[in-house]
Amino acid sequence: MRLGCDVICEKPLVPTLEQLDELALVEKETGKKVYNILQLQDYQAILGLKEKVAHNNRADKYDVILTYITSRDKWYMES
């Protein structure tokens, strides 16, 4: 943002609320925005997992490890 660009970021955006507050200050300072995305929200494996969890009556939390490998165009490393 300080280089004059809006930013997109995969979740999680930041690990702490303090860092989220810092990002908000940088947005205000620069007039640029951070956009948080979840590019895997429509990924079939994620949708299937979400459905399995929704139909299970477990009260405890799940520990999910996700590995997702994809190619990127040249612009990705330059941005």
N, C-alpha and C. Protein backbone atom coordinates (compact mmCIF):
# COMPACT_ATOMS: atom_id res chain seq x y z
N MET A 1 0.83 -1.18 0.00
CA MET A 1 0.00 0.00 0.00
C MET A 1 0.87 1.25 0.00
N ARG A 2 1.96 1.17 0.73
CA ARG A 2 2.86 2.32 0.78
C ARG A 2 3.60 2.52 -0.54
N LEU A 3 3.53 1.53 -1.41
CA LEU A 3 4.11 1.67 -2.75
C LEU A 3 3.06 2.11 -3.77
N GLY A 4 1.87 2.45 -3.27
CA GLY A 4 0.82 2.98 -4.13
C GLY A 4 -0.11 1.94 -4.73
N CYS A 5 -0.15 0.76 -4.15
CA CYS A 5 -0.98 -0.33 -4.70
C CYS A 5 -2.04 -0.77 -3.70
N ASP A 6 -3.21 -1.13 -4.24
CA ASP A 6 -4.16 -1.88 -3.44
C ASP A 6 -3.60 -3.29 -3.32
N VAL A 7 -4.03 -4.03 -2.31
CA VAL A 7 -3.46 -5.34 -2.01
C VAL A 7 -4.56 -6.37 -1.87
N ILE A 8 -4.32 -7.58 -2.42
CA ILE A 8 -5.19 -8.70 -2.11
C ILE A 8 -4.38 -9.69 -1.29
N CYS A 9 -5.04 -10.34 -0.35
CA CYS A 9 -4.36 -11.26 0.54
C CYS A 9 -5.25 -12.45 0.82
N GLU A 10 -4.67 -13.62 0.74
CA GLU A 10 -5.37 -14.86 1.09
C GLU A 10 -5.57 -14.91 2.60
N LYS A 11 -6.62 -15.59 3.03
CA LYS A 11 -6.85 -15.78 4.46
C LYS A 11 -5.80 -16.72 5.02
N PRO A 12 -5.38 -16.57 6.25
CA PRO A 12 -5.77 -15.51 7.17
C PRO A 12 -5.01 -14.22 6.84
N LEU A 13 -5.69 -13.13 6.95
CA LEU A 13 -5.09 -11.84 6.63
C LEU A 13 -3.93 -11.52 7.57
N VAL A 14 -4.17 -11.61 8.86
CA VAL A 14 -3.14 -11.40 9.89
C VAL A 14 -3.46 -12.32 11.07
N PRO A 15 -2.47 -12.65 11.87
CA PRO A 15 -2.73 -13.55 13.00
C PRO A 15 -3.26 -12.87 14.27
N THR A 16 -3.17 -11.54 14.36
CA THR A 16 -3.60 -10.88 15.59
C THR A 16 -4.47 -9.67 15.29
N LEU A 17 -5.29 -9.29 16.26
CA LEU A 17 -6.11 -8.09 16.11
C LEU A 17 -5.25 -6.83 16.06
N GLU A 18 -4.12 -6.85 16.76
CA GLU A 18 -3.23 -5.69 16.73
C GLU A 18 -2.71 -5.45 15.31
N GLN A 19 -2.35 -6.52 14.62
CA GLN A 19 -1.87 -6.38 13.25
C GLN A 19 -2.99 -5.94 12.31
N LEU A 20 -4.21 -6.35 12.60
CA LEU A 20 -5.35 -5.89 11.81
C LEU A 20 -5.53 -4.38 11.98
N ASP A 21 -5.38 -3.92 13.21
CA ASP A 21 -5.46 -2.48 13.48
C ASP A 21 -4.35 -1.72 12.74
N GLU A 22 -3.15 -2.31 12.70
CA GLU A 22 -2.04 -1.69 11.97
C GLU A 22 -2.37 -1.57 10.48
N LEU A 23 -2.95 -2.61 9.90
CA LEU A 23 -3.33 -2.56 8.49
C LEU A 23 -4.36 -1.47 8.24
N ALA A 24 -5.31 -1.33 9.15
CA ALA A 24 -6.32 -0.28 9.01
C ALA A 24 -5.67 1.10 9.02
N LEU A 25 -4.65 1.28 9.86
CA LEU A 25 -3.94 2.56 9.89
C LEU A 25 -3.20 2.82 8.59
N VAL A 26 -2.59 1.78 8.02
CA VAL A 26 -1.87 1.95 6.75
C VAL A 26 -2.87 2.26 5.63
N GLU A 27 -4.04 1.63 5.66
CA GLU A 27 -5.07 1.96 4.68
C GLU A 27 -5.44 3.44 4.77
N LYS A 28 -5.64 3.91 5.99
CA LYS A 28 -6.01 5.31 6.21
C LYS A 28 -4.89 6.24 5.76
N GLU A 29 -3.67 5.87 6.09
CA GLU A 29 -2.49 6.68 5.74
C GLU A 29 -2.29 6.79 4.23
N THR A 30 -2.50 5.68 3.52
CA THR A 30 -2.17 5.63 2.10
C THR A 30 -3.36 5.84 1.17
N GLY A 31 -4.56 5.65 1.69
CA GLY A 31 -5.74 5.71 0.82
C GLY A 31 -5.90 4.46 -0.03
N LYS A 32 -5.08 3.46 0.21
CA LYS A 32 -5.15 2.19 -0.52
C LYS A 32 -5.88 1.16 0.34
N LYS A 33 -6.33 0.09 -0.27
CA LYS A 33 -7.14 -0.91 0.42
C LYS A 33 -6.51 -2.29 0.41
N VAL A 34 -6.80 -3.06 1.46
CA VAL A 34 -6.45 -4.48 1.53
C VAL A 34 -7.75 -5.25 1.32
N TYR A 35 -7.72 -6.17 0.37
CA TYR A 35 -8.88 -7.02 0.12
C TYR A 35 -8.53 -8.45 0.51
N ASN A 36 -9.31 -9.01 1.40
CA ASN A 36 -9.09 -10.37 1.89
C ASN A 36 -9.90 -11.33 1.03
N ILE A 37 -9.25 -12.36 0.50
CA ILE A 37 -9.94 -13.30 -0.37
C ILE A 37 -9.75 -14.73 0.14
N LEU A 38 -10.61 -15.59 -0.32
CA LEU A 38 -10.46 -17.02 -0.08
C LEU A 38 -10.65 -17.69 -1.43
N GLN A 39 -9.56 -17.85 -2.15
CA GLN A 39 -9.66 -18.34 -3.52
C GLN A 39 -10.12 -19.79 -3.59
N LEU A 40 -10.08 -20.50 -2.48
CA LEU A 40 -10.50 -21.91 -2.49
C LEU A 40 -11.96 -22.09 -2.05
N GLN A 41 -12.71 -21.01 -1.90
CA GLN A 41 -14.07 -21.14 -1.38
C GLN A 41 -14.97 -21.98 -2.27
N ASP A 42 -14.69 -22.06 -3.56
CA ASP A 42 -15.49 -22.88 -4.47
C ASP A 42 -14.75 -24.13 -4.93
N TYR A 43 -13.65 -24.45 -4.28
CA TYR A 43 -12.85 -25.63 -4.61
C TYR A 43 -13.63 -26.87 -4.16
N GLN A 44 -13.80 -27.84 -5.05
CA GLN A 44 -14.67 -28.98 -4.79
C GLN A 44 -14.30 -29.74 -3.51
N ALA A 45 -13.02 -29.93 -3.25
CA ALA A 45 -12.61 -30.63 -2.03
C ALA A 45 -13.03 -29.87 -0.78
N ILE A 46 -12.96 -28.56 -0.81
CA ILE A 46 -13.36 -27.74 0.34
C ILE A 46 -14.87 -27.81 0.52
N LEU A 47 -15.61 -27.74 -0.58
CA LEU A 47 -17.07 -27.83 -0.49
C LEU A 47 -17.50 -29.18 0.09
N GLY A 48 -16.83 -30.25 -0.33
CA GLY A 48 -17.13 -31.58 0.20
C GLY A 48 -16.83 -31.67 1.69
N LEU A 49 -15.70 -31.12 2.10
CA LEU A 49 -15.33 -31.12 3.52
C LEU A 49 -16.34 -30.32 4.34
N LYS A 50 -16.74 -29.17 3.81
CA LYS A 50 -17.71 -28.33 4.50
C LYS A 50 -19.04 -29.08 4.70
N GLU A 51 -19.45 -29.82 3.68
CA GLU A 51 -20.69 -30.59 3.78
C GLU A 51 -20.58 -31.70 4.82
N LYS A 52 -19.44 -32.40 4.83
CA LYS A 52 -19.23 -33.47 5.83
C LYS A 52 -19.29 -32.91 7.24
N VAL A 53 -18.65 -31.78 7.46
CA VAL A 53 -18.63 -31.17 8.79
C VAL A 53 -20.04 -30.73 9.19
N ALA A 54 -20.79 -30.18 8.24
CA ALA A 54 -22.15 -29.70 8.53
C ALA A 54 -23.08 -30.84 8.95
N HIS A 55 -22.83 -32.04 8.44
CA HIS A 55 -23.70 -33.17 8.73
C HIS A 55 -23.19 -34.04 9.88
N ASN A 56 -22.16 -33.61 10.56
CA ASN A 56 -21.60 -34.35 11.68
C ASN A 56 -21.95 -33.61 12.96
N ASN A 57 -22.34 -34.32 13.97
CA ASN A 57 -22.77 -33.69 15.22
C ASN A 57 -21.66 -33.55 16.25
N ARG A 58 -20.42 -33.56 15.81
CA ARG A 58 -19.30 -33.40 16.75
C ARG A 58 -19.34 -32.02 17.38
N ALA A 59 -19.05 -31.97 18.66
CA ALA A 59 -19.01 -30.69 19.36
C ALA A 59 -17.60 -30.11 19.38
N ASP A 60 -16.59 -30.97 19.21
CA ASP A 60 -15.22 -30.46 19.27
C ASP A 60 -14.77 -29.92 17.91
N LYS A 61 -13.62 -29.31 17.90
CA LYS A 61 -13.10 -28.68 16.68
C LYS A 61 -12.39 -29.71 15.81
N TYR A 62 -12.29 -29.38 14.56
CA TYR A 62 -11.55 -30.21 13.60
C TYR A 62 -10.17 -29.61 13.39
N ASP A 63 -9.21 -30.44 13.15
CA ASP A 63 -7.87 -30.01 12.78
C ASP A 63 -7.68 -30.41 11.32
N VAL A 64 -7.65 -29.43 10.43
CA VAL A 64 -7.58 -29.69 9.00
C VAL A 64 -6.25 -29.20 8.46
N ILE A 65 -5.57 -30.06 7.74
CA ILE A 65 -4.34 -29.68 7.05
C ILE A 65 -4.65 -29.72 5.56
N LEU A 66 -4.46 -28.60 4.89
CA LEU A 66 -4.78 -28.49 3.48
C LEU A 66 -3.52 -28.16 2.70
N THR A 67 -3.27 -28.93 1.68
CA THR A 67 -2.17 -28.62 0.76
C THR A 67 -2.79 -28.36 -0.60
N TYR A 68 -2.50 -27.21 -1.16
CA TYR A 68 -3.06 -26.83 -2.45
C TYR A 68 -1.92 -26.29 -3.29
N ILE A 69 -1.64 -26.94 -4.38
CA ILE A 69 -0.53 -26.54 -5.24
C ILE A 69 -1.10 -26.10 -6.58
N THR A 70 -0.69 -24.94 -7.03
CA THR A 70 -1.17 -24.42 -8.30
C THR A 70 -0.07 -23.64 -8.99
N SER A 71 -0.17 -23.52 -10.27
CA SER A 71 0.81 -22.72 -11.01
C SER A 71 0.40 -21.25 -10.97
N ARG A 72 1.34 -20.40 -11.18
CA ARG A 72 1.09 -18.95 -11.22
C ARG A 72 1.72 -18.39 -12.49
N ASP A 73 1.06 -17.39 -13.05
CA ASP A 73 1.63 -16.70 -14.20
C ASP A 73 2.81 -15.84 -13.76
N LYS A 74 3.55 -15.31 -14.73
CA LYS A 74 4.75 -14.51 -14.43
C LYS A 74 4.45 -13.29 -13.55
N TRP A 75 3.28 -12.69 -13.73
CA TRP A 75 2.94 -11.49 -12.98
C TRP A 75 2.94 -11.74 -11.48
N TYR A 76 2.67 -12.97 -11.07
CA TYR A 76 2.53 -13.28 -9.64
C TYR A 76 3.81 -12.97 -8.88
N MET A 77 4.94 -13.34 -9.43
CA MET A 77 6.21 -13.10 -8.76
C MET A 77 6.67 -11.66 -8.88
N GLU A 78 6.07 -10.91 -9.79
CA GLU A 78 6.44 -9.51 -9.97
C GLU A 78 5.56 -8.56 -9.19
N SER A 79 4.46 -9.06 -8.66
CA SER A 79 3.52 -8.17 -7.97
C SER A 79 3.85 -8.03 -6.50
